[in-house]
N, C-alpha and C. Protein backbone atom coordinates (compact mmCIF):
# COMPACT_ATOMS: atom_id res chain seq x y z
N UNK A 1 85.18 33.18 99.09
CA UNK A 1 85.16 34.63 99.21
C UNK A 1 86.29 35.18 98.34
N UNK A 2 85.97 36.09 97.47
CA UNK A 2 87.00 36.67 96.60
C UNK A 2 87.30 38.09 97.00
N UNK A 3 88.48 38.53 96.64
CA UNK A 3 88.90 39.88 96.98
C UNK A 3 88.01 40.90 96.29
N UNK A 4 87.83 42.02 96.94
CA UNK A 4 87.05 43.09 96.35
C UNK A 4 87.72 43.55 95.06
N UNK A 5 86.95 44.22 94.23
CA UNK A 5 87.48 44.71 92.96
C UNK A 5 88.66 45.64 93.21
N UNK A 6 89.61 45.67 92.27
CA UNK A 6 90.75 46.56 92.41
C UNK A 6 90.30 48.01 92.65
N UNK A 7 91.09 48.70 93.37
CA UNK A 7 90.75 50.07 93.78
C UNK A 7 91.93 50.94 93.41
N UNK A 8 91.69 52.10 92.87
CA UNK A 8 92.77 52.98 92.41
C UNK A 8 92.98 54.16 93.34
N UNK A 9 94.23 54.45 93.61
CA UNK A 9 94.58 55.64 94.40
C UNK A 9 94.26 56.92 93.65
N UNK A 10 94.13 56.84 92.35
CA UNK A 10 93.93 58.03 91.54
C UNK A 10 92.47 58.45 91.43
N UNK A 11 91.61 57.75 92.08
CA UNK A 11 90.19 58.08 91.98
C UNK A 11 89.79 59.15 92.98
N UNK A 12 88.74 59.86 92.65
CA UNK A 12 88.18 60.85 93.56
C UNK A 12 87.67 60.15 94.83
N UNK A 13 87.20 58.92 94.66
CA UNK A 13 86.72 58.13 95.78
C UNK A 13 87.84 57.87 96.79
N UNK A 14 89.04 57.59 96.31
CA UNK A 14 90.17 57.35 97.22
C UNK A 14 90.46 58.60 98.05
N UNK A 15 90.45 59.76 97.42
CA UNK A 15 90.68 61.00 98.13
C UNK A 15 89.58 61.24 99.16
N UNK A 16 88.35 60.98 98.78
CA UNK A 16 87.23 61.14 99.70
C UNK A 16 87.37 60.23 100.91
N UNK A 17 87.74 58.98 100.68
CA UNK A 17 87.93 58.03 101.78
C UNK A 17 89.07 58.48 102.70
N UNK A 18 90.15 58.96 102.09
CA UNK A 18 91.30 59.41 102.87
C UNK A 18 90.93 60.62 103.74
N UNK A 19 90.27 61.58 103.16
CA UNK A 19 89.89 62.78 103.93
C UNK A 19 88.93 62.41 105.05
N UNK A 20 87.96 61.55 104.76
CA UNK A 20 87.01 61.11 105.79
C UNK A 20 87.74 60.39 106.92
N UNK A 21 88.64 59.48 106.58
CA UNK A 21 89.39 58.73 107.60
C UNK A 21 90.24 59.68 108.43
N UNK A 22 90.94 60.59 107.76
CA UNK A 22 91.83 61.54 108.43
C UNK A 22 91.08 62.41 109.43
N UNK A 23 90.04 63.08 108.96
CA UNK A 23 89.33 64.02 109.84
C UNK A 23 88.59 63.30 110.96
N UNK A 24 87.95 62.19 110.64
CA UNK A 24 87.22 61.44 111.67
C UNK A 24 88.18 60.92 112.74
N UNK A 25 89.31 60.41 112.31
CA UNK A 25 90.30 59.90 113.26
C UNK A 25 90.89 61.02 114.11
N UNK A 26 91.27 62.11 113.47
CA UNK A 26 91.84 63.24 114.22
C UNK A 26 90.85 63.75 115.26
N UNK A 27 89.60 63.88 114.88
CA UNK A 27 88.59 64.38 115.82
C UNK A 27 88.28 63.38 116.93
N UNK A 28 88.03 62.12 116.59
CA UNK A 28 87.68 61.13 117.61
C UNK A 28 88.84 60.86 118.56
N UNK A 29 90.03 60.67 118.03
CA UNK A 29 91.18 60.41 118.89
C UNK A 29 91.52 61.64 119.73
N UNK A 30 91.41 62.82 119.13
CA UNK A 30 91.65 64.05 119.88
C UNK A 30 90.65 64.22 121.01
N UNK A 31 89.39 63.91 120.73
CA UNK A 31 88.36 64.00 121.77
C UNK A 31 88.61 62.97 122.87
N UNK A 32 88.93 61.74 122.48
CA UNK A 32 89.24 60.69 123.45
C UNK A 32 90.39 61.11 124.36
N UNK A 33 91.47 61.58 123.78
CA UNK A 33 92.64 61.99 124.57
C UNK A 33 92.33 63.20 125.43
N UNK A 34 91.53 64.12 124.91
CA UNK A 34 91.17 65.32 125.68
C UNK A 34 90.32 64.97 126.89
N UNK A 35 89.33 64.10 126.68
CA UNK A 35 88.48 63.69 127.80
C UNK A 35 89.30 62.94 128.84
N UNK A 36 90.19 62.06 128.39
CA UNK A 36 91.07 61.35 129.32
C UNK A 36 91.93 62.33 130.12
N UNK A 37 92.49 63.31 129.44
CA UNK A 37 93.36 64.28 130.11
C UNK A 37 92.63 65.02 131.21
N UNK A 38 91.43 65.46 130.91
CA UNK A 38 90.68 66.26 131.88
C UNK A 38 90.04 65.38 132.95
N UNK A 39 89.30 64.35 132.54
CA UNK A 39 88.51 63.56 133.49
C UNK A 39 89.33 62.57 134.31
N UNK A 40 90.26 61.89 133.67
CA UNK A 40 90.99 60.84 134.36
C UNK A 40 92.34 61.30 134.91
N UNK A 41 93.00 62.22 134.20
CA UNK A 41 94.34 62.61 134.60
C UNK A 41 94.41 63.99 135.22
N UNK A 42 93.25 64.65 135.35
CA UNK A 42 93.15 65.96 136.00
C UNK A 42 94.14 66.97 135.44
N UNK A 43 94.21 66.99 134.11
CA UNK A 43 95.07 67.92 133.40
C UNK A 43 94.20 68.82 132.53
N UNK A 44 94.77 69.40 131.50
CA UNK A 44 94.01 70.24 130.58
C UNK A 44 94.27 69.81 129.15
N UNK A 45 93.36 70.22 128.27
CA UNK A 45 93.53 69.93 126.86
C UNK A 45 94.76 70.68 126.33
N UNK A 46 94.95 71.91 126.80
CA UNK A 46 96.12 72.67 126.37
C UNK A 46 97.40 71.93 126.74
N UNK A 47 97.47 71.40 127.93
CA UNK A 47 98.65 70.67 128.40
C UNK A 47 98.86 69.39 127.57
N UNK A 48 97.77 68.73 127.22
CA UNK A 48 97.85 67.54 126.39
C UNK A 48 98.57 67.85 125.07
N UNK A 49 98.12 68.90 124.38
CA UNK A 49 98.70 69.20 123.08
C UNK A 49 100.07 69.88 123.19
N UNK A 50 100.35 70.53 124.32
CA UNK A 50 101.72 70.99 124.56
C UNK A 50 102.65 69.78 124.67
N UNK A 51 102.16 68.73 125.31
CA UNK A 51 102.94 67.50 125.42
C UNK A 51 103.22 66.89 124.06
N UNK A 52 102.23 66.91 123.19
CA UNK A 52 102.44 66.42 121.83
C UNK A 52 103.51 67.26 121.15
N UNK A 53 103.39 68.57 121.25
CA UNK A 53 104.36 69.47 120.61
C UNK A 53 105.76 69.30 121.18
N UNK A 54 105.85 68.91 122.44
CA UNK A 54 107.17 68.79 123.07
C UNK A 54 108.03 67.72 122.42
N UNK A 55 107.41 66.77 121.69
CA UNK A 55 108.22 65.76 121.01
C UNK A 55 109.08 66.38 119.91
N UNK A 56 108.63 67.50 119.35
CA UNK A 56 109.43 68.21 118.34
C UNK A 56 110.08 69.47 118.87
N UNK A 57 109.35 70.20 119.72
CA UNK A 57 109.84 71.50 120.19
C UNK A 57 110.67 71.41 121.46
N UNK A 58 110.64 70.27 122.12
CA UNK A 58 111.38 70.10 123.36
C UNK A 58 110.54 70.44 124.58
N UNK A 59 111.11 70.27 125.76
CA UNK A 59 110.37 70.44 127.02
C UNK A 59 109.81 71.85 127.23
N UNK A 60 110.37 72.85 126.58
CA UNK A 60 109.88 74.22 126.73
C UNK A 60 108.44 74.37 126.23
N UNK A 61 107.98 73.45 125.39
CA UNK A 61 106.61 73.52 124.87
C UNK A 61 105.59 73.34 126.00
N UNK A 62 105.96 72.54 126.99
CA UNK A 62 105.05 72.29 128.10
C UNK A 62 104.99 73.54 128.97
N UNK A 63 103.79 74.06 129.13
CA UNK A 63 103.61 75.29 129.88
C UNK A 63 103.90 76.52 129.04
N UNK A 64 104.08 76.33 127.74
CA UNK A 64 104.44 77.43 126.86
C UNK A 64 103.25 78.20 126.29
N UNK A 65 102.05 77.85 126.72
CA UNK A 65 100.88 78.59 126.28
C UNK A 65 100.21 78.02 125.05
N UNK A 66 99.50 78.89 124.36
CA UNK A 66 98.65 78.48 123.25
C UNK A 66 99.44 78.07 122.01
N UNK A 67 100.52 78.76 121.70
CA UNK A 67 101.25 78.44 120.46
C UNK A 67 101.75 77.00 120.42
N UNK A 68 102.44 76.52 121.45
CA UNK A 68 102.86 75.12 121.37
C UNK A 68 101.67 74.16 121.37
N UNK A 69 100.59 74.52 122.05
CA UNK A 69 99.40 73.67 122.02
C UNK A 69 98.84 73.57 120.61
N UNK A 70 98.82 74.69 119.89
CA UNK A 70 98.35 74.67 118.50
C UNK A 70 99.29 73.86 117.60
N UNK A 71 100.59 73.94 117.86
CA UNK A 71 101.54 73.10 117.13
C UNK A 71 101.22 71.63 117.40
N UNK A 72 100.91 71.31 118.65
CA UNK A 72 100.54 69.94 119.00
C UNK A 72 99.28 69.48 118.29
N UNK A 73 98.29 70.35 118.17
CA UNK A 73 97.07 70.01 117.45
C UNK A 73 97.40 69.74 115.98
N UNK A 74 98.20 70.59 115.37
CA UNK A 74 98.61 70.38 113.97
C UNK A 74 99.37 69.06 113.82
N UNK A 75 100.25 68.77 114.76
CA UNK A 75 100.98 67.51 114.71
C UNK A 75 100.02 66.32 114.82
N UNK A 76 99.04 66.44 115.71
CA UNK A 76 98.05 65.39 115.90
C UNK A 76 97.29 65.14 114.59
N UNK A 77 96.87 66.22 113.93
CA UNK A 77 96.17 66.07 112.65
C UNK A 77 97.11 65.49 111.59
N UNK A 78 98.38 65.86 111.62
CA UNK A 78 99.34 65.31 110.67
C UNK A 78 99.54 63.82 110.85
N UNK A 79 99.63 63.39 112.10
CA UNK A 79 99.80 61.96 112.38
C UNK A 79 98.55 61.19 111.95
N UNK A 80 97.38 61.74 112.23
CA UNK A 80 96.13 61.08 111.81
C UNK A 80 96.09 60.94 110.29
N UNK A 81 96.54 61.98 109.58
CA UNK A 81 96.59 61.91 108.12
C UNK A 81 97.57 60.81 107.69
N UNK A 82 98.74 60.78 108.31
CA UNK A 82 99.76 59.80 107.94
C UNK A 82 99.28 58.37 108.09
N UNK A 83 98.67 58.06 109.23
CA UNK A 83 98.21 56.69 109.46
C UNK A 83 97.01 56.35 108.58
N UNK A 84 96.19 57.34 108.26
CA UNK A 84 95.08 57.12 107.32
C UNK A 84 95.63 56.81 105.93
N UNK A 85 96.65 57.55 105.51
CA UNK A 85 97.27 57.33 104.20
C UNK A 85 97.95 55.96 104.15
N UNK A 86 98.61 55.56 105.23
CA UNK A 86 99.25 54.23 105.27
C UNK A 86 98.20 53.15 105.05
N UNK A 87 97.06 53.28 105.75
CA UNK A 87 96.04 52.25 105.60
C UNK A 87 95.46 52.25 104.19
N UNK A 88 95.27 53.43 103.60
CA UNK A 88 94.77 53.49 102.23
C UNK A 88 95.74 52.78 101.28
N UNK A 89 97.04 53.00 101.47
CA UNK A 89 98.04 52.32 100.63
C UNK A 89 97.99 50.80 100.83
N UNK A 90 97.83 50.37 102.06
CA UNK A 90 97.69 48.93 102.33
C UNK A 90 96.44 48.38 101.66
N UNK A 91 95.35 49.12 101.75
CA UNK A 91 94.08 48.72 101.17
C UNK A 91 94.20 48.56 99.65
N UNK A 92 94.86 49.49 99.03
CA UNK A 92 95.02 49.46 97.58
C UNK A 92 95.98 48.34 97.16
N UNK A 93 97.02 48.12 97.94
CA UNK A 93 98.10 47.20 97.55
C UNK A 93 97.84 45.73 97.86
N UNK A 94 97.02 45.46 98.86
CA UNK A 94 96.88 44.08 99.33
C UNK A 94 95.48 43.53 99.07
N UNK A 95 95.32 42.72 98.05
CA UNK A 95 94.03 42.05 97.86
C UNK A 95 93.64 41.23 99.10
N UNK A 96 94.65 40.66 99.76
CA UNK A 96 94.40 39.88 100.98
C UNK A 96 93.66 40.72 102.03
N UNK A 97 94.07 41.97 102.19
CA UNK A 97 93.42 42.86 103.16
C UNK A 97 91.99 43.16 102.74
N UNK A 98 91.78 43.47 101.47
CA UNK A 98 90.42 43.72 100.98
C UNK A 98 89.54 42.50 101.19
N UNK A 99 90.10 41.32 101.02
CA UNK A 99 89.36 40.08 101.24
C UNK A 99 88.98 39.95 102.72
N UNK A 100 89.92 40.23 103.61
CA UNK A 100 89.61 40.18 105.06
C UNK A 100 88.51 41.18 105.43
N UNK A 101 88.58 42.35 104.83
CA UNK A 101 87.60 43.39 105.14
C UNK A 101 86.21 43.02 104.65
N UNK A 102 86.12 42.21 103.59
CA UNK A 102 84.82 41.83 103.06
C UNK A 102 84.18 40.68 103.83
N UNK A 103 84.92 40.07 104.72
CA UNK A 103 84.38 38.98 105.54
C UNK A 103 83.47 39.55 106.62
N UNK A 104 82.59 38.72 107.18
CA UNK A 104 81.74 39.20 108.28
C UNK A 104 82.60 39.77 109.41
N UNK A 105 82.22 40.95 109.84
CA UNK A 105 82.92 41.68 110.92
C UNK A 105 84.37 41.98 110.57
N UNK A 106 84.70 41.95 109.29
CA UNK A 106 86.07 42.19 108.85
C UNK A 106 86.60 43.55 109.25
N UNK A 107 85.77 44.58 109.14
CA UNK A 107 86.22 45.92 109.51
C UNK A 107 86.61 45.96 110.98
N UNK A 108 85.79 45.37 111.83
CA UNK A 108 86.06 45.36 113.28
C UNK A 108 87.33 44.56 113.57
N UNK A 109 87.47 43.43 112.92
CA UNK A 109 88.65 42.59 113.14
C UNK A 109 89.93 43.31 112.71
N UNK A 110 89.91 43.90 111.53
CA UNK A 110 91.10 44.60 111.03
C UNK A 110 91.39 45.82 111.90
N UNK A 111 90.36 46.57 112.27
CA UNK A 111 90.55 47.75 113.12
C UNK A 111 91.10 47.38 114.49
N UNK A 112 90.71 46.21 115.00
CA UNK A 112 91.20 45.79 116.32
C UNK A 112 92.68 45.45 116.30
N UNK A 113 93.24 45.25 115.11
CA UNK A 113 94.68 45.04 114.96
C UNK A 113 95.36 46.35 114.55
N UNK A 114 94.79 47.05 113.58
CA UNK A 114 95.45 48.24 113.04
C UNK A 114 95.57 49.36 114.09
N UNK A 115 94.51 49.66 114.81
CA UNK A 115 94.56 50.73 115.80
C UNK A 115 95.66 50.51 116.84
N UNK A 116 95.66 49.36 117.52
CA UNK A 116 96.74 49.11 118.48
C UNK A 116 98.13 49.09 117.83
N UNK A 117 98.23 48.62 116.59
CA UNK A 117 99.53 48.65 115.91
C UNK A 117 100.02 50.09 115.73
N UNK A 118 99.12 50.99 115.43
CA UNK A 118 99.49 52.41 115.32
C UNK A 118 100.09 52.87 116.64
N UNK A 119 99.43 52.55 117.76
CA UNK A 119 99.94 52.97 119.07
C UNK A 119 101.29 52.31 119.37
N UNK A 120 101.45 51.04 119.03
CA UNK A 120 102.71 50.36 119.29
C UNK A 120 103.86 51.02 118.53
N UNK A 121 103.65 51.33 117.26
CA UNK A 121 104.70 51.98 116.47
C UNK A 121 105.01 53.37 117.03
N UNK A 122 103.96 54.13 117.32
CA UNK A 122 104.17 55.50 117.82
C UNK A 122 104.85 55.49 119.19
N UNK A 123 104.36 54.64 120.09
CA UNK A 123 104.86 54.69 121.47
C UNK A 123 106.17 53.95 121.69
N UNK A 124 106.44 52.94 120.86
CA UNK A 124 107.66 52.15 121.06
C UNK A 124 108.79 52.55 120.11
N UNK A 125 108.47 53.28 119.05
CA UNK A 125 109.51 53.66 118.09
C UNK A 125 109.56 55.17 117.84
N UNK A 126 108.50 55.73 117.32
CA UNK A 126 108.54 57.13 116.88
C UNK A 126 108.79 58.10 118.04
N UNK A 127 107.97 58.04 119.06
CA UNK A 127 108.11 58.99 120.19
C UNK A 127 109.45 58.79 120.92
N UNK A 128 109.85 57.55 121.24
CA UNK A 128 111.16 57.39 121.87
C UNK A 128 112.32 57.89 121.02
N UNK A 129 112.23 57.73 119.70
CA UNK A 129 113.29 58.26 118.83
C UNK A 129 113.33 59.78 118.88
N UNK A 130 112.18 60.41 118.91
CA UNK A 130 112.13 61.87 118.96
C UNK A 130 112.58 62.41 120.32
N UNK A 131 112.23 61.70 121.38
CA UNK A 131 112.57 62.17 122.74
C UNK A 131 113.91 61.66 123.23
N UNK A 132 114.50 60.73 122.51
CA UNK A 132 115.79 60.13 122.91
C UNK A 132 115.72 59.50 124.29
N UNK A 133 114.61 58.81 124.53
CA UNK A 133 114.47 58.06 125.78
C UNK A 133 113.53 56.88 125.56
N UNK A 134 113.70 55.83 126.36
CA UNK A 134 112.85 54.64 126.16
C UNK A 134 111.40 54.92 126.55
N UNK A 135 110.49 54.12 126.01
CA UNK A 135 109.08 54.30 126.35
C UNK A 135 108.81 53.96 127.81
N UNK A 136 107.75 54.54 128.32
CA UNK A 136 107.31 54.26 129.68
C UNK A 136 105.99 53.50 129.60
N UNK A 137 106.03 52.23 129.95
CA UNK A 137 104.83 51.40 129.87
C UNK A 137 104.12 51.47 131.22
N UNK A 138 103.00 52.17 131.23
CA UNK A 138 102.21 52.39 132.45
C UNK A 138 100.74 52.06 132.15
N UNK A 139 99.89 52.27 133.13
CA UNK A 139 98.46 52.08 132.92
C UNK A 139 97.95 53.04 131.86
N UNK A 140 98.48 54.26 131.81
CA UNK A 140 98.08 55.21 130.77
C UNK A 140 98.45 54.68 129.39
N UNK A 141 99.60 54.05 129.27
CA UNK A 141 100.04 53.47 128.01
C UNK A 141 99.05 52.38 127.59
N UNK A 142 98.64 51.54 128.53
CA UNK A 142 97.69 50.47 128.25
C UNK A 142 96.32 51.02 127.84
N UNK A 143 95.88 52.08 128.50
CA UNK A 143 94.60 52.71 128.13
C UNK A 143 94.68 53.21 126.69
N UNK A 144 95.80 53.81 126.31
CA UNK A 144 95.97 54.28 124.94
C UNK A 144 95.99 53.11 123.95
N UNK A 145 96.65 52.03 124.33
CA UNK A 145 96.69 50.85 123.47
C UNK A 145 95.28 50.36 123.17
N UNK A 146 94.48 50.22 124.20
CA UNK A 146 93.10 49.75 124.04
C UNK A 146 92.26 50.80 123.30
N UNK A 147 92.43 52.06 123.65
CA UNK A 147 91.66 53.13 123.03
C UNK A 147 91.95 53.32 121.55
N UNK A 148 93.10 52.87 121.10
CA UNK A 148 93.43 53.02 119.68
C UNK A 148 92.61 52.11 118.77
N UNK A 149 91.97 51.10 119.34
CA UNK A 149 91.07 50.29 118.52
C UNK A 149 89.83 51.11 118.12
N UNK A 150 89.03 51.60 119.09
CA UNK A 150 87.81 52.31 118.66
C UNK A 150 88.04 53.72 118.13
N UNK A 151 89.09 54.40 118.60
CA UNK A 151 89.24 55.82 118.28
C UNK A 151 90.26 56.12 117.17
N UNK A 152 91.02 55.11 116.76
CA UNK A 152 91.96 55.27 115.65
C UNK A 152 91.69 54.18 114.60
N UNK A 153 91.77 52.93 115.00
CA UNK A 153 91.59 51.84 114.05
C UNK A 153 90.23 51.84 113.37
N UNK A 154 89.19 51.94 114.15
CA UNK A 154 87.84 51.87 113.59
C UNK A 154 87.51 53.01 112.63
N UNK A 155 87.80 54.27 112.97
CA UNK A 155 87.49 55.31 111.98
C UNK A 155 88.33 55.21 110.71
N UNK A 156 89.58 54.81 110.84
CA UNK A 156 90.42 54.69 109.64
C UNK A 156 89.93 53.53 108.77
N UNK A 157 89.82 52.37 109.37
CA UNK A 157 89.48 51.17 108.60
C UNK A 157 88.07 51.29 108.01
N UNK A 158 87.11 51.74 108.80
CA UNK A 158 85.74 51.83 108.28
C UNK A 158 85.62 52.88 107.18
N UNK A 159 86.34 53.99 107.32
CA UNK A 159 86.28 55.03 106.29
C UNK A 159 86.93 54.60 104.99
N UNK A 160 88.06 53.94 105.07
CA UNK A 160 88.76 53.49 103.87
C UNK A 160 88.02 52.33 103.20
N UNK A 161 87.50 51.41 104.00
CA UNK A 161 86.83 50.22 103.46
C UNK A 161 85.38 50.50 103.07
N UNK A 162 84.84 51.61 103.45
CA UNK A 162 83.43 51.92 103.24
C UNK A 162 83.00 51.72 101.78
N UNK A 163 81.92 50.95 101.62
CA UNK A 163 81.38 50.74 100.29
C UNK A 163 82.06 49.63 99.51
N UNK A 164 83.14 49.10 100.04
CA UNK A 164 83.84 48.03 99.29
C UNK A 164 83.74 46.70 100.00
N UNK A 165 82.97 46.66 101.07
CA UNK A 165 82.80 45.41 101.82
C UNK A 165 81.36 44.95 101.67
N UNK A 166 81.17 43.67 101.85
CA UNK A 166 79.79 43.19 101.80
C UNK A 166 79.25 43.12 103.22
N UNK A 167 77.99 43.02 103.36
CA UNK A 167 77.36 43.01 104.69
C UNK A 167 77.69 41.72 105.42
N UNK A 168 77.49 41.74 106.73
CA UNK A 168 77.80 40.59 107.58
C UNK A 168 76.71 39.53 107.53
N UNK A 169 75.70 39.72 106.70
CA UNK A 169 74.58 38.75 106.67
C UNK A 169 74.93 37.47 105.96
């Protein structure tokens, strides 16, 4: 099995893959978190995104109404863009990764690692650094860890790798 052909960041195709990964991930992960907030945690979508905003705006964002919730939505889209861009850079830079993606079920295998890795970095490093407190590992944390495979890893990896992998046959 040989690595897929070199891929350039300067191509229109790279931008298309990035935008597709970004928007799909932001929407799917946002929907997943919103449904969890309402159905499982008996909260609201507004409260969810106020919580996101509170990592930058502080505790006053929670219960602060629509404005902090909108800031949280923008932050969520920004983070989805960032992680999509990171994967695109990895895809372009690592022939080894392109080779793994071209293997049977490669997209699923890579996504099953990348999605949870995104959650691990965010929950164990980024958020604690912003909040100046250690992470809280709970059942909700575990649900997010597992959910990051289908709702973050899969849309990013499949969108970026799309068209550059061979079929599983």
